[in-house]
Amino acid sequence: MEVKTFPAHPGDLEIDHSELRKCLFSGLFEETFEFNGAKRSFYTYLTPGLLYNRPCLVVAPPDGVSALEYLERSPWMALADREKLFLHVMVPQEGGWNLDGSDGDCMNKVYMEIQSRRFYITMQDNIYAAGVGRGAIVAQQAAMKMTSEWSGLATFGEMEEAALLNATVTSEAENTGATELAISAAKVQLPVWMAWGENSGANADVCAYWKAQNDVDPETFACEAADQVWFPRTLCRKSQVNEEKIAQVRVTNRFQGEPDGKLADAVWAFLSQARRHRSFGTKALRNVVDPEPYGAEKHSMEIGGFTRIWYEYVPESVKNSGQPVPLVTVMHGRGGSADTFLDLSGMTRVAEERGFIALFPEAGVYQQRPGGLRNVLLWNGIYKEERVDDGAFILAAIADARSRYSIDPTRIYACGQSSGGMMTASLALRAPELFAAVSPWSAIVNPEFPDPLPESLEPAVPFMFLFGDKDWLCVDRKNGELEYHVAKDIAAYLKNLMKLYHLEEKPLQYVCGEISWFVYRNAKGVPMLTVGSVKDMTHANYPRESWIAYDEFLCRFSKTEDGTLLYMGEPAV
């Protein structure tokens, strides 16, 4: 197999205008990085036609054979081709895996390396660990130390005492800032499948660890490929809006050697059902939403020389109601995608229960770093020195949906996270006559391309701004302004809204759960600006934000055909 080298200047490559997040490379590549003062490497296999943000599988192979030889005989490349996965295979040092914990740490470093966005774009929410032979112990060490970052674990081989080295150890939490990668490193639930000779000795000890971690029921089940399956206990003391209690423990006994294609397929079918969601406190585990089987319909249009796409979620109750319904446009963050934001936002469930149509558009492109990839997805980015007009695309997508469904023109809203939050604010300024209210999350202005502060905003558009109190983009603990210490550019934006809407200078304040609220009212007592600071959250959003934004803010506002803003049915200004 030919091992390729990534080019020094990936920004020289043309992008595919008909599929903006198509990976610009395919084949097998060697990547190198520094770890503990030494040069380490891993192989990355990119199947042809791969799209950004697809799941990643990181494999620690057996030692005693070269990683390349193992890759050629293993079932993982065929799996990556069929399932369209990013495949990463670690390379043991000469002499094999070191089970003192350092190679487990190295595997966690690979987790971070593959999110560098140098040559392809992955998500920190759907990365899975696997290990074979002694590599199984390395994978166990990595997953136990950084459980909240991995979305699933599969190991094929006998355990040793060293497998439990990190049973009581976690990595340090880390927020890498502008790379948008946050490591919460907490002990949490994790779907696990382990294959070995028998469930005894060190194997049984590792199994017991994961059964306790996942809070499983003692009753044992079986399926075609697993001899023992434990489901999580049904008892749940907390809401599952953000995290679903779904982590099973599966065991295959009488296993020797290496997994064949049939077992690898069964394991992947199990692991790929769950993935992480960035949240407050840690990262939450949830079932994967595959948009089209779930009921979201994919649409596309040609605009500005690019094929632009969006997903549209229309609840069956809405299709059959015959009544005009609200519409909510939901926008993903930088490097994200429309399909994954169905998952991350959870807005489809709000739409289902509250009876509105949800649109999930996908951003245009830009270069995140000088000389880097030109097709990182970002709202209102720049391509070949020209600004991408994403506002025109979103407004056209809304118009398209309105041509096909009975949408209430008085109740059209927008929300979004990070770059999507910036786009949300931009839409409010661009089309204030269209949007009855907006809710930016994790960002409100683009520090690279700031829009001038408006001197007027007619008709008025109410804002609910939500962000984490540890958000590197929003918060400046040392020099931040206002009661919640936001960065100067965000403070200037909020102060301008207060001025335009003649709001009270001192907000009403209260705390509910994880959110500290700051409510700014106008002369009529209408909350035209509401700010929520989420405790212990970095640059993220979580599903409950969608419920809060819609139930506690957006749906309370409407806008008549002449532009009059209403709050709970009464004139707001």
Protein backbone atom coordinates (compact mmCIF):
# COMPACT_ATOMS: atom_id res chain seq x y z
CA MET A 1 0.00 0.00 0.00
CA GLU A 2 1.30 3.43 -0.94
CA VAL A 3 1.78 5.74 2.03
CA LYS A 4 1.22 9.32 0.95
CA THR A 5 2.32 12.61 2.46
CA PHE A 6 -0.02 15.52 2.97
CA PRO A 7 1.01 18.61 0.98
CA ALA A 8 2.66 21.53 2.71
CA HIS A 9 0.07 23.94 1.33
CA PRO A 10 -3.40 22.35 1.28
CA GLY A 11 -4.82 25.79 0.57
CA ASP A 12 -3.64 25.40 -3.03
CA LEU A 13 -6.21 22.68 -3.66
CA GLU A 14 -9.52 23.45 -5.33
CA ILE A 15 -12.66 22.52 -3.42
CA ASP A 16 -15.66 20.71 -4.82
CA HIS A 17 -18.31 23.37 -5.40
CA SER A 18 -21.04 20.72 -5.53
CA GLU A 19 -20.06 19.15 -2.16
CA LEU A 20 -18.44 21.77 0.05
CA ARG A 21 -17.38 19.47 2.89
CA LYS A 22 -15.88 16.78 0.72
CA CYS A 23 -12.46 15.68 1.98
CA LEU A 24 -9.76 16.96 -0.38
CA PHE A 25 -7.56 13.87 0.05
CA SER A 26 -7.98 10.11 -0.17
CA GLY A 27 -5.67 7.20 0.50
CA LEU A 28 -3.27 6.26 3.30
CA PHE A 29 -1.19 8.95 5.01
CA GLU A 30 1.38 8.98 7.79
CA GLU A 31 1.02 11.72 10.39
CA THR A 32 3.69 12.58 12.97
CA PHE A 33 3.58 14.46 16.24
CA GLU A 34 5.67 15.10 19.33
CA PHE A 35 4.84 13.18 22.48
CA ASN A 36 6.88 13.12 25.70
CA GLY A 37 9.88 14.47 23.84
CA ALA A 38 9.80 11.80 21.13
CA LYS A 39 8.50 11.67 17.59
CA ARG A 40 5.46 9.42 17.26
CA SER A 41 3.31 8.61 14.27
CA PHE A 42 -0.01 7.13 13.20
CA TYR A 43 -1.60 6.25 9.88
CA THR A 44 -4.73 7.92 8.60
CA TYR A 45 -6.86 6.24 5.96
CA LEU A 46 -9.27 8.48 4.05
CA THR A 47 -11.67 6.54 1.88
CA PRO A 48 -12.56 8.17 -1.47
CA GLY A 49 -15.57 10.48 -1.29
CA LEU A 50 -15.28 10.92 2.47
CA LEU A 51 -17.14 13.91 3.94
CA TYR A 52 -15.97 15.93 6.90
CA ASN A 53 -17.40 15.16 10.35
CA ARG A 54 -17.97 11.49 9.69
CA PRO A 55 -17.15 9.19 12.65
CA CYS A 56 -13.49 8.40 13.46
CA LEU A 57 -12.13 5.04 14.58
CA VAL A 58 -8.72 5.04 16.31
CA VAL A 59 -7.14 1.58 16.49
CA ALA A 60 -4.25 0.40 18.67
CA PRO A 61 -3.07 -2.68 16.71
CA PRO A 62 -1.33 -5.74 18.12
CA ASP A 63 2.41 -5.33 18.56
CA GLY A 64 4.90 -7.73 17.03
CA VAL A 65 3.80 -6.81 13.51
CA SER A 66 4.13 -3.53 11.63
CA ALA A 67 1.08 -1.29 11.70
CA LEU A 68 1.00 -1.33 7.90
CA GLU A 69 1.03 -5.12 7.73
CA TYR A 70 -1.73 -5.26 10.29
CA LEU A 71 -3.79 -2.69 8.44
CA GLU A 72 -3.61 -4.69 5.20
CA ARG A 73 -4.92 -7.87 6.82
CA SER A 74 -7.40 -6.29 9.25
CA PRO A 75 -11.11 -5.68 8.58
CA TRP A 76 -10.87 -1.97 9.40
CA MET A 77 -10.19 -0.56 5.93
CA ALA A 78 -13.15 -2.42 4.44
CA LEU A 79 -15.30 -1.11 7.30
CA ALA A 80 -14.06 2.45 6.70
CA ASP A 81 -14.84 2.15 2.97
CA ARG A 82 -18.35 0.88 3.53
CA GLU A 83 -19.33 3.10 6.46
CA LYS A 84 -17.40 6.18 5.26
CA LEU A 85 -15.27 6.52 8.39
CA PHE A 86 -12.04 8.27 9.21
CA LEU A 87 -9.65 5.45 10.17
CA HIS A 88 -6.55 6.11 12.29
CA VAL A 89 -4.08 3.36 13.22
CA MET A 90 -1.47 3.94 15.90
CA VAL A 91 2.15 2.82 15.53
CA PRO A 92 3.77 1.09 18.52
CA GLN A 93 7.30 2.07 19.38
CA GLU A 94 10.08 -0.39 18.66
CA GLY A 95 9.70 -3.22 21.14
CA GLY A 96 5.93 -3.02 21.28
CA TRP A 97 3.37 -1.29 23.45
CA ASN A 98 4.41 0.17 26.77
CA LEU A 99 1.75 -0.68 29.34
CA ASP A 100 2.92 1.81 31.98
CA GLY A 101 0.21 4.21 30.82
CA SER A 102 2.33 6.29 28.46
CA ASP A 103 0.96 4.66 25.32
CA GLY A 104 -2.57 5.07 26.63
CA ASP A 105 -1.76 8.77 26.98
CA CYS A 106 -0.34 8.70 23.47
CA MET A 107 -3.64 7.32 22.17
CA ASN A 108 -5.43 10.22 23.83
CA LYS A 109 -2.94 12.54 22.16
CA VAL A 110 -3.89 11.03 18.79
CA TYR A 111 -7.50 11.88 19.67
CA MET A 112 -6.42 15.51 19.90
CA GLU A 113 -4.14 15.42 16.86
CA ILE A 114 -6.84 14.28 14.45
CA GLN A 115 -8.84 17.39 15.32
CA SER A 116 -6.14 19.83 14.26
CA ARG A 117 -8.02 20.69 11.01
CA ARG A 118 -4.78 20.72 9.03
CA PHE A 119 -5.83 18.30 6.29
CA TYR A 120 -9.38 17.19 7.12
CA ILE A 121 -12.17 18.11 9.52
CA THR A 122 -13.42 15.81 12.27
CA MET A 123 -15.72 16.28 15.25
CA GLN A 124 -14.71 15.69 18.84
CA ASP A 125 -18.13 14.14 19.40
CA ASN A 126 -17.88 10.95 17.35
CA ILE A 127 -14.44 9.41 17.92
CA TYR A 128 -14.23 5.75 18.96
CA ALA A 129 -11.34 3.73 20.41
CA ALA A 130 -10.39 0.15 19.55
CA GLY A 131 -7.50 -2.09 20.52
CA VAL A 132 -6.30 -5.52 19.40
CA GLY A 133 -3.92 -7.89 21.18
CA ARG A 134 -1.81 -5.92 23.67
CA GLY A 135 -3.21 -2.83 21.96
CA ALA A 136 -6.46 -3.73 23.74
CA ILE A 137 -4.85 -2.80 27.06
CA VAL A 138 -3.61 0.50 25.61
CA ALA A 139 -7.13 1.32 24.43
CA GLN A 140 -8.55 0.47 27.86
CA GLN A 141 -6.03 2.77 29.54
CA ALA A 142 -6.83 5.59 27.13
CA ALA A 143 -10.60 5.27 27.51
CA MET A 144 -10.52 5.01 31.31
CA LYS A 145 -8.37 8.13 31.61
CA MET A 146 -10.34 10.27 29.15
CA THR A 147 -13.73 8.56 29.16
CA SER A 148 -15.82 11.65 28.45
CA GLU A 149 -14.00 12.29 25.15
CA TRP A 150 -14.47 8.88 23.52
CA SER A 151 -17.88 7.83 22.21
CA GLY A 152 -17.29 4.08 22.42
CA LEU A 153 -14.63 1.44 23.14
CA ALA A 154 -13.97 -1.98 21.62
CA THR A 155 -11.12 -4.27 22.63
CA PHE A 156 -10.11 -7.67 21.26
CA GLY A 157 -7.65 -9.52 23.45
CA GLU A 158 -6.78 -10.67 26.94
CA MET A 159 -6.59 -8.14 29.76
CA GLU A 160 -3.78 -7.77 32.28
CA GLU A 161 -3.68 -5.92 35.57
CA ALA A 162 -2.24 -2.94 33.69
CA ALA A 163 -5.58 -2.49 31.92
CA LEU A 164 -6.96 -1.01 35.16
CA LEU A 165 -4.05 1.40 35.61
CA ASN A 166 -6.36 4.39 35.07
CA ALA A 167 -9.40 3.01 36.86
CA THR A 168 -9.23 5.91 39.35
CA VAL A 169 -7.26 8.38 37.21
CA THR A 170 -8.49 11.04 34.80
CA SER A 171 -6.69 13.43 32.48
CA GLU A 172 -6.63 17.08 33.38
CA ALA A 173 -9.40 19.18 31.88
CA GLU A 174 -8.15 21.33 29.02
CA ASN A 175 -9.64 24.06 26.88
CA THR A 176 -7.49 24.56 23.77
CA GLY A 177 -9.12 27.86 22.83
CA ALA A 178 -9.46 28.81 19.18
CA THR A 179 -9.16 25.17 18.04
CA GLU A 180 -12.55 24.68 19.76
CA LEU A 181 -11.39 21.41 21.33
CA ALA A 182 -12.24 21.04 25.01
CA ILE A 183 -11.16 18.07 27.11
CA SER A 184 -13.45 17.60 30.10
CA ALA A 185 -11.86 14.26 31.09
CA ALA A 186 -14.51 12.93 33.45
CA LYS A 187 -15.54 9.45 34.51
CA VAL A 188 -18.82 8.92 32.67
CA GLN A 189 -20.78 6.19 30.92
CA LEU A 190 -19.27 4.67 27.76
CA PRO A 191 -20.55 1.93 25.42
CA VAL A 192 -18.03 -0.93 25.61
CA TRP A 193 -17.55 -4.24 23.76
CA MET A 194 -14.79 -6.62 24.86
CA ALA A 195 -13.76 -9.90 23.22
CA TRP A 196 -11.51 -12.42 25.01
CA GLY A 197 -11.20 -16.08 25.96
CA GLU A 198 -13.39 -16.03 29.06
CA ASN A 199 -14.80 -13.54 31.52
CA SER A 200 -12.53 -14.34 34.44
CA GLY A 201 -9.40 -13.03 36.14
CA ALA A 202 -8.21 -9.64 34.84
CA ASN A 203 -10.86 -9.82 32.10
CA ALA A 204 -13.60 -10.03 34.73
CA ASP A 205 -12.04 -7.15 36.68
CA VAL A 206 -12.15 -4.89 33.61
CA CYS A 207 -15.71 -6.00 32.85
CA ALA A 208 -16.74 -5.21 36.43
CA TYR A 209 -15.22 -1.73 36.09
CA TRP A 210 -17.34 -0.88 33.05
CA LYS A 211 -20.47 -2.45 34.52
CA ALA A 212 -20.12 -0.16 37.53
CA GLN A 213 -19.25 2.85 35.35
CA ASN A 214 -22.33 2.33 33.17
CA ASP A 215 -24.62 1.51 36.11
CA VAL A 216 -25.91 -1.66 34.47
CA ASP A 217 -28.66 -3.98 35.58
CA PRO A 218 -27.40 -7.34 36.90
CA GLU A 219 -29.59 -9.32 34.47
CA THR A 220 -27.55 -10.69 31.57
CA PHE A 221 -28.71 -10.97 27.96
CA ALA A 222 -27.05 -12.21 24.77
CA CYS A 223 -27.13 -11.44 21.06
CA GLU A 224 -25.68 -13.08 17.96
CA ALA A 225 -22.13 -11.78 18.39
CA ALA A 226 -22.04 -11.15 22.16
CA ASP A 227 -22.38 -13.86 24.79
CA GLN A 228 -23.07 -11.38 27.59
CA VAL A 229 -24.90 -8.06 27.35
CA TRP A 230 -25.72 -5.77 30.25
CA PHE A 231 -28.15 -2.88 29.83
CA PRO A 232 -28.12 0.26 31.99
CA ARG A 233 -30.52 0.21 34.89
CA THR A 234 -33.81 1.88 34.08
CA LEU A 235 -33.65 3.89 37.29
CA CYS A 236 -32.65 7.43 36.37
CA ARG A 237 -32.72 10.30 38.84
CA LYS A 238 -31.96 13.07 36.36
CA SER A 239 -33.55 14.36 33.17
CA GLN A 240 -32.28 12.71 30.00
CA VAL A 241 -32.77 15.82 27.86
CA ASN A 242 -29.01 16.35 27.64
CA GLU A 243 -27.64 12.87 28.31
CA GLU A 244 -29.40 9.60 27.64
CA LYS A 245 -28.58 6.58 29.79
CA ILE A 246 -27.66 4.24 26.95
CA ALA A 247 -24.21 2.72 27.57
CA GLN A 248 -24.32 -1.09 27.39
CA VAL A 249 -21.49 -3.46 28.25
CA ARG A 250 -21.04 -6.33 25.78
CA VAL A 251 -18.69 -9.32 25.99
CA THR A 252 -17.73 -11.95 23.46
CA ASN A 253 -16.14 -15.03 25.06
CA ARG A 254 -14.18 -17.86 23.43
CA PHE A 255 -12.38 -15.28 21.29
CA GLN A 256 -8.79 -15.75 20.12
CA GLY A 257 -6.58 -14.00 17.61
CA GLU A 258 -7.95 -10.98 15.76
CA PRO A 259 -11.47 -9.87 14.84
CA ASP A 260 -12.80 -10.88 11.44
CA GLY A 261 -15.05 -8.76 9.28
CA LYS A 262 -18.25 -10.18 10.74
CA LEU A 263 -17.32 -9.37 14.33
CA ALA A 264 -15.91 -5.96 13.39
CA ASP A 265 -19.16 -5.11 11.61
CA ALA A 266 -21.27 -6.17 14.60
CA VAL A 267 -19.12 -4.18 17.00
CA TRP A 268 -19.26 -1.07 14.83
CA ALA A 269 -23.05 -1.34 14.43
CA PHE A 270 -23.22 -1.24 18.23
CA LEU A 271 -20.68 1.52 18.90
CA SER A 272 -21.91 3.87 16.19
CA GLN A 273 -25.33 4.21 17.80
CA ALA A 274 -23.99 6.69 20.39
CA ARG A 275 -21.84 9.78 20.39
CA ARG A 276 -20.82 12.65 22.63
CA HIS A 277 -22.38 16.09 22.83
CA ARG A 278 -20.53 19.06 24.24
CA SER A 279 -22.38 20.34 27.28
CA PHE A 280 -21.85 22.01 30.63
CA GLY A 281 -19.75 20.14 33.19
CA THR A 282 -18.76 17.35 30.83
CA LYS A 283 -19.70 15.84 27.47
CA ALA A 284 -23.04 14.07 27.32
CA LEU A 285 -23.78 10.75 25.63
CA ARG A 286 -26.73 10.51 23.27
CA ASN A 287 -28.12 8.29 20.55
CA VAL A 288 -27.02 9.25 17.05
CA VAL A 289 -29.61 10.92 14.83
CA ASP A 290 -29.18 9.87 11.19
CA PRO A 291 -31.13 12.71 9.54
CA GLU A 292 -33.03 11.07 6.70
CA PRO A 293 -34.11 7.84 8.45
CA TYR A 294 -35.04 10.08 11.39
CA GLY A 295 -37.41 12.02 9.15
CA ALA A 296 -35.39 15.07 8.12
CA GLU A 297 -35.50 15.84 4.41
CA LYS A 298 -32.40 17.05 2.58
CA HIS A 299 -32.74 19.97 0.16
CA SER A 300 -30.27 21.79 -2.05
CA MET A 301 -30.03 24.83 -4.29
CA GLU A 302 -27.43 26.46 -6.49
CA ILE A 303 -26.49 29.92 -5.27
CA GLY A 304 -23.35 32.02 -5.62
CA GLY A 305 -21.58 29.31 -7.60
CA PHE A 306 -21.98 26.66 -4.90
CA THR A 307 -24.41 23.86 -4.19
CA ARG A 308 -25.91 24.71 -0.82
CA ILE A 309 -27.80 22.22 1.33
CA TRP A 310 -30.14 22.23 4.29
CA TYR A 311 -32.17 19.69 6.22
CA GLU A 312 -35.81 20.30 6.94
CA TYR A 313 -37.60 18.65 9.84
CA VAL A 314 -41.41 18.72 9.60
CA PRO A 315 -43.28 16.79 12.32
CA GLU A 316 -46.10 14.58 11.07
CA SER A 317 -48.52 16.53 13.26
CA VAL A 318 -47.52 19.68 11.39
CA LYS A 319 -47.92 18.06 7.97
CA ASN A 320 -51.44 17.05 8.82
CA SER A 321 -52.56 20.08 10.80
CA GLY A 322 -53.53 22.37 7.93
CA GLN A 323 -52.73 25.35 10.17
CA PRO A 324 -49.90 27.87 9.75
CA VAL A 325 -46.99 26.90 12.04
CA PRO A 326 -43.82 28.62 13.30
CA LEU A 327 -40.45 28.11 11.60
CA VAL A 328 -37.09 28.00 13.41
CA THR A 329 -33.79 28.21 11.52
CA VAL A 330 -30.99 26.44 13.44
CA MET A 331 -27.34 27.04 12.46
CA HIS A 332 -24.28 24.96 13.35
CA GLY A 333 -20.89 26.24 14.46
CA ARG A 334 -17.56 26.55 12.65
CA GLY A 335 -16.39 23.24 11.26
CA GLY A 336 -19.76 21.65 11.99
CA SER A 337 -22.43 20.53 9.56
CA ALA A 338 -26.18 20.56 9.15
CA ASP A 339 -26.65 16.84 9.77
CA THR A 340 -24.60 16.75 12.97
CA PHE A 341 -26.38 19.80 14.37
CA LEU A 342 -29.65 17.89 14.37
CA ASP A 343 -27.90 15.83 17.03
CA LEU A 344 -26.06 18.54 18.91
CA SER A 345 -28.97 20.96 19.16
CA GLY A 346 -31.80 18.50 19.82
CA MET A 347 -34.10 21.03 18.16
CA THR A 348 -35.98 18.35 16.21
CA ARG A 349 -37.47 17.06 19.46
CA VAL A 350 -38.56 20.56 20.40
CA ALA A 351 -40.15 20.88 16.93
CA GLU A 352 -41.93 17.56 17.39
CA GLU A 353 -43.44 18.47 20.73
CA ARG A 354 -44.06 22.17 20.10
CA GLY A 355 -45.34 21.86 16.54
CA PHE A 356 -43.03 23.88 14.32
CA ILE A 357 -40.79 23.35 11.28
CA ALA A 358 -37.03 23.36 11.88
CA LEU A 359 -34.52 24.21 9.14
CA PHE A 360 -30.87 23.19 9.50
CA PRO A 361 -28.83 24.98 6.80
CA GLU A 362 -25.16 24.22 6.17
CA ALA A 363 -22.56 26.98 6.13
CA GLY A 364 -20.33 28.14 3.31
CA VAL A 365 -16.54 27.88 3.29
CA TYR A 366 -13.41 29.71 4.42
CA GLN A 367 -9.76 29.13 5.36
CA GLN A 368 -9.38 28.72 9.10
CA ARG A 369 -5.60 29.10 8.96
CA PRO A 370 -3.26 30.80 6.45
CA GLY A 371 -2.44 28.33 3.68
CA GLY A 372 -4.84 25.80 5.14
CA LEU A 373 -7.91 24.06 3.80
CA ARG A 374 -10.26 26.36 1.98
CA ASN A 375 -13.39 24.38 2.81
CA VAL A 376 -13.77 24.64 6.57
CA LEU A 377 -17.46 25.42 7.00
CA LEU A 378 -18.14 28.86 8.47
CA TRP A 379 -21.00 31.32 8.14
CA ASN A 380 -20.24 34.44 6.09
CA GLY A 381 -16.68 33.28 5.46
CA ILE A 382 -14.27 34.24 2.69
CA TYR A 383 -13.46 32.23 -0.41
CA LYS A 384 -10.72 33.46 -2.76
CA GLU A 385 -10.75 36.92 -1.19
CA GLU A 386 -14.52 37.30 -1.60
CA ARG A 387 -17.08 37.20 1.21
CA VAL A 388 -19.59 34.35 0.98
CA ASP A 389 -23.14 35.70 1.28
CA ASP A 390 -24.69 33.07 3.51
CA GLY A 391 -27.52 35.39 4.43
CA ALA A 392 -28.84 35.25 0.88
CA PHE A 393 -28.75 31.44 1.00
CA ILE A 394 -30.60 31.18 4.32
CA LEU A 395 -33.27 33.65 3.29
CA ALA A 396 -33.72 31.71 0.03
CA ALA A 397 -34.02 28.42 1.97
CA ILE A 398 -36.67 29.97 4.22
CA ALA A 399 -38.54 31.26 1.17
CA ASP A 400 -38.37 27.80 -0.39
CA ALA A 401 -39.85 26.20 2.73
CA ARG A 402 -42.58 28.84 2.85
CA SER A 403 -43.51 28.01 -0.75
CA ARG A 404 -44.16 24.39 0.21
CA TYR A 405 -45.64 24.62 3.71
CA SER A 406 -48.13 26.79 5.53
CA ILE A 407 -45.75 28.78 7.71
CA ASP A 408 -46.95 31.49 10.05
CA PRO A 409 -45.16 34.65 8.82
CA THR A 410 -45.54 36.25 12.25
CA ARG A 411 -43.53 33.51 14.01
CA ILE A 412 -40.22 32.99 12.21
CA TYR A 413 -37.16 32.64 14.45
CA ALA A 414 -33.42 31.97 14.25
CA CYS A 415 -30.84 30.45 16.59
CA GLY A 416 -27.37 28.97 16.28
CA GLN A 417 -24.11 28.15 18.03
CA SER A 418 -20.66 29.77 17.68
CA SER A 419 -20.37 30.80 14.03
CA GLY A 420 -24.07 29.97 13.86
CA GLY A 421 -24.65 32.45 16.70
CA MET A 422 -22.84 35.10 14.69
CA MET A 423 -25.02 34.23 11.69
CA THR A 424 -28.12 34.46 13.88
CA ALA A 425 -27.25 38.01 14.89
CA SER A 426 -26.37 38.89 11.30
CA LEU A 427 -29.78 37.70 10.10
CA ALA A 428 -31.53 39.82 12.72
CA LEU A 429 -29.78 42.92 11.37
CA ARG A 430 -30.30 41.96 7.74
CA ALA A 431 -33.96 40.97 7.87
CA PRO A 432 -35.54 42.43 11.04
CA GLU A 433 -38.92 42.46 9.32
CA LEU A 434 -38.76 38.65 8.97
CA PHE A 435 -37.53 37.40 12.35
CA ALA A 436 -39.78 37.81 15.37
CA ALA A 437 -36.94 36.94 17.78
CA VAL A 438 -33.48 35.34 17.72
CA SER A 439 -31.25 33.39 20.11
CA PRO A 440 -27.49 33.32 19.44
CA TRP A 441 -25.52 30.73 21.44
CA SER A 442 -21.78 30.92 22.24
CA ALA A 443 -21.18 33.95 19.98
CA ILE A 444 -22.89 37.08 18.77
CA VAL A 445 -20.25 38.95 16.73
CA ASN A 446 -17.48 37.72 14.45
CA PRO A 447 -14.17 39.18 15.74
CA GLU A 448 -12.54 38.57 12.33
CA PHE A 449 -15.26 40.22 10.25
CA PRO A 450 -17.23 42.47 12.63
CA ASP A 451 -20.37 44.06 11.24
CA PRO A 452 -20.76 47.75 12.14
CA LEU A 453 -23.07 48.28 15.07
CA PRO A 454 -26.46 49.37 13.76
CA GLU A 455 -27.65 52.90 14.44
CA SER A 456 -31.22 51.63 14.34
CA LEU A 457 -33.03 48.30 14.16
CA GLU A 458 -36.54 48.60 12.83
CA PRO A 459 -38.63 46.71 13.47
CA ALA A 460 -37.03 45.66 16.74
CA VAL A 461 -35.78 42.06 17.12
CA PRO A 462 -35.53 40.63 20.68
CA PHE A 463 -32.34 38.71 21.55
CA MET A 464 -31.64 35.84 23.94
CA PHE A 465 -27.87 35.31 24.19
CA LEU A 466 -26.59 32.11 25.87
CA PHE A 467 -22.91 31.27 26.49
CA GLY A 468 -20.68 29.30 28.86
CA ASP A 469 -18.89 31.01 31.72
CA LYS A 470 -15.67 29.30 30.57
CA ASP A 471 -16.14 30.09 26.87
CA TRP A 472 -12.82 31.26 25.41
CA LEU A 473 -14.61 33.29 22.73
CA CYS A 474 -17.18 35.04 24.91
CA VAL A 475 -15.70 35.51 28.38
CA ASP A 476 -12.76 37.58 29.60
CA ARG A 477 -12.53 37.00 33.34
CA LYS A 478 -9.83 39.66 33.81
CA ASN A 479 -10.98 42.46 31.52
CA GLY A 480 -14.53 41.45 30.61
CA GLU A 481 -17.44 43.84 30.89
CA LEU A 482 -20.97 43.84 32.26
CA GLU A 483 -22.09 41.60 35.12
CA TYR A 484 -21.10 38.43 33.25
CA HIS A 485 -17.59 39.46 32.11
CA VAL A 486 -18.08 39.20 28.36
CA ALA A 487 -15.38 40.21 25.86
CA LYS A 488 -15.32 43.85 24.80
CA ASP A 489 -16.74 43.29 21.30
CA ILE A 490 -19.68 41.31 22.70
CA ALA A 491 -20.24 43.91 25.43
CA ALA A 492 -20.30 46.65 22.79
CA TYR A 493 -22.92 44.73 20.79
CA LEU A 494 -25.13 44.16 23.84
CA LYS A 495 -24.79 47.76 25.01
CA ASN A 496 -25.82 48.93 21.57
CA LEU A 497 -28.97 46.80 21.76
CA MET A 498 -29.71 48.31 25.17
CA LYS A 499 -29.34 51.78 23.66
CA LEU A 500 -31.45 51.06 20.57
CA TYR A 501 -34.26 49.53 22.60
CA HIS A 502 -34.03 51.98 25.55
CA LEU A 503 -33.59 49.16 28.02
CA GLU A 504 -33.00 49.35 31.76
CA GLU A 505 -29.29 49.70 32.53
CA LYS A 506 -29.45 47.33 35.47
CA PRO A 507 -30.82 43.90 34.55
CA LEU A 508 -33.07 41.74 36.62
CA GLN A 509 -31.03 38.77 37.84
CA TYR A 510 -31.82 35.27 38.95
CA VAL A 511 -30.32 31.78 38.88
CA CYS A 512 -32.08 28.64 37.68
CA GLY A 513 -30.08 25.43 37.60
CA GLU A 514 -26.90 25.86 35.61
CA ILE A 515 -27.81 29.28 34.18
CA SER A 516 -27.41 32.75 35.69
CA TRP A 517 -29.92 35.03 33.98
CA PHE A 518 -29.73 38.76 33.24
CA VAL A 519 -32.95 40.25 31.87
CA TYR A 520 -33.12 43.71 30.29
CA ARG A 521 -36.61 45.17 29.90
CA ASN A 522 -37.95 48.12 27.98
CA ALA A 523 -40.40 50.73 29.27
CA LYS A 524 -43.28 48.27 28.84
CA GLY A 525 -41.49 45.62 30.89
CA VAL A 526 -40.79 43.46 27.83
CA PRO A 527 -37.50 41.47 27.99
CA MET A 528 -36.00 42.66 24.70
CA LEU A 529 -32.57 41.33 25.71
CA THR A 530 -32.01 38.27 27.88
CA VAL A 531 -28.50 36.99 28.64
CA GLY A 532 -27.78 33.57 30.14
CA SER A 533 -24.36 32.51 31.48
CA VAL A 534 -24.07 28.72 31.75
CA LYS A 535 -22.03 27.46 34.69
CA ASP A 536 -18.97 25.30 33.96
CA MET A 537 -19.37 25.31 30.17
CA THR A 538 -16.74 26.01 27.55
CA HIS A 539 -17.44 26.85 23.89
CA ALA A 540 -20.43 24.57 23.46
CA ASN A 541 -24.17 24.19 23.38
CA TYR A 542 -26.44 21.48 24.69
CA PRO A 543 -29.94 20.21 23.86
CA ARG A 544 -31.69 21.85 26.80
CA GLU A 545 -30.64 25.22 25.37
CA SER A 546 -32.99 24.55 22.47
CA TRP A 547 -35.91 23.98 24.83
CA ILE A 548 -35.03 27.06 26.87
CA ALA A 549 -34.59 29.27 23.81
CA TYR A 550 -37.92 28.26 22.30
CA ASP A 551 -40.13 27.81 25.36
CA GLU A 552 -38.85 30.69 27.48
CA PHE A 553 -38.16 33.26 24.79
CA LEU A 554 -38.72 32.78 21.07
CA CYS A 555 -42.32 31.56 21.15
CA ARG A 556 -43.40 34.50 23.30
CA PHE A 557 -42.73 36.93 20.46
CA SER A 558 -44.51 37.37 17.15
CA LYS A 559 -44.51 40.04 14.48
CA THR A 560 -47.56 41.27 12.60
CA GLU A 561 -47.55 41.81 8.85
CA ASP A 562 -46.94 45.54 9.33
CA GLY A 563 -43.88 44.78 11.48
CA THR A 564 -45.43 45.39 14.89
CA LEU A 565 -43.62 43.30 17.49
CA LEU A 566 -45.89 41.48 19.94
CA TYR A 567 -44.95 39.97 23.29
CA MET A 568 -47.45 37.35 24.41
CA GLY A 569 -49.97 38.88 22.03
CA GLU A 570 -49.55 42.50 23.16
CA PRO A 571 -47.48 45.28 21.50
CA ALA A 572 -43.92 45.01 22.81
CA VAL A 573 -42.65 48.51 22.05
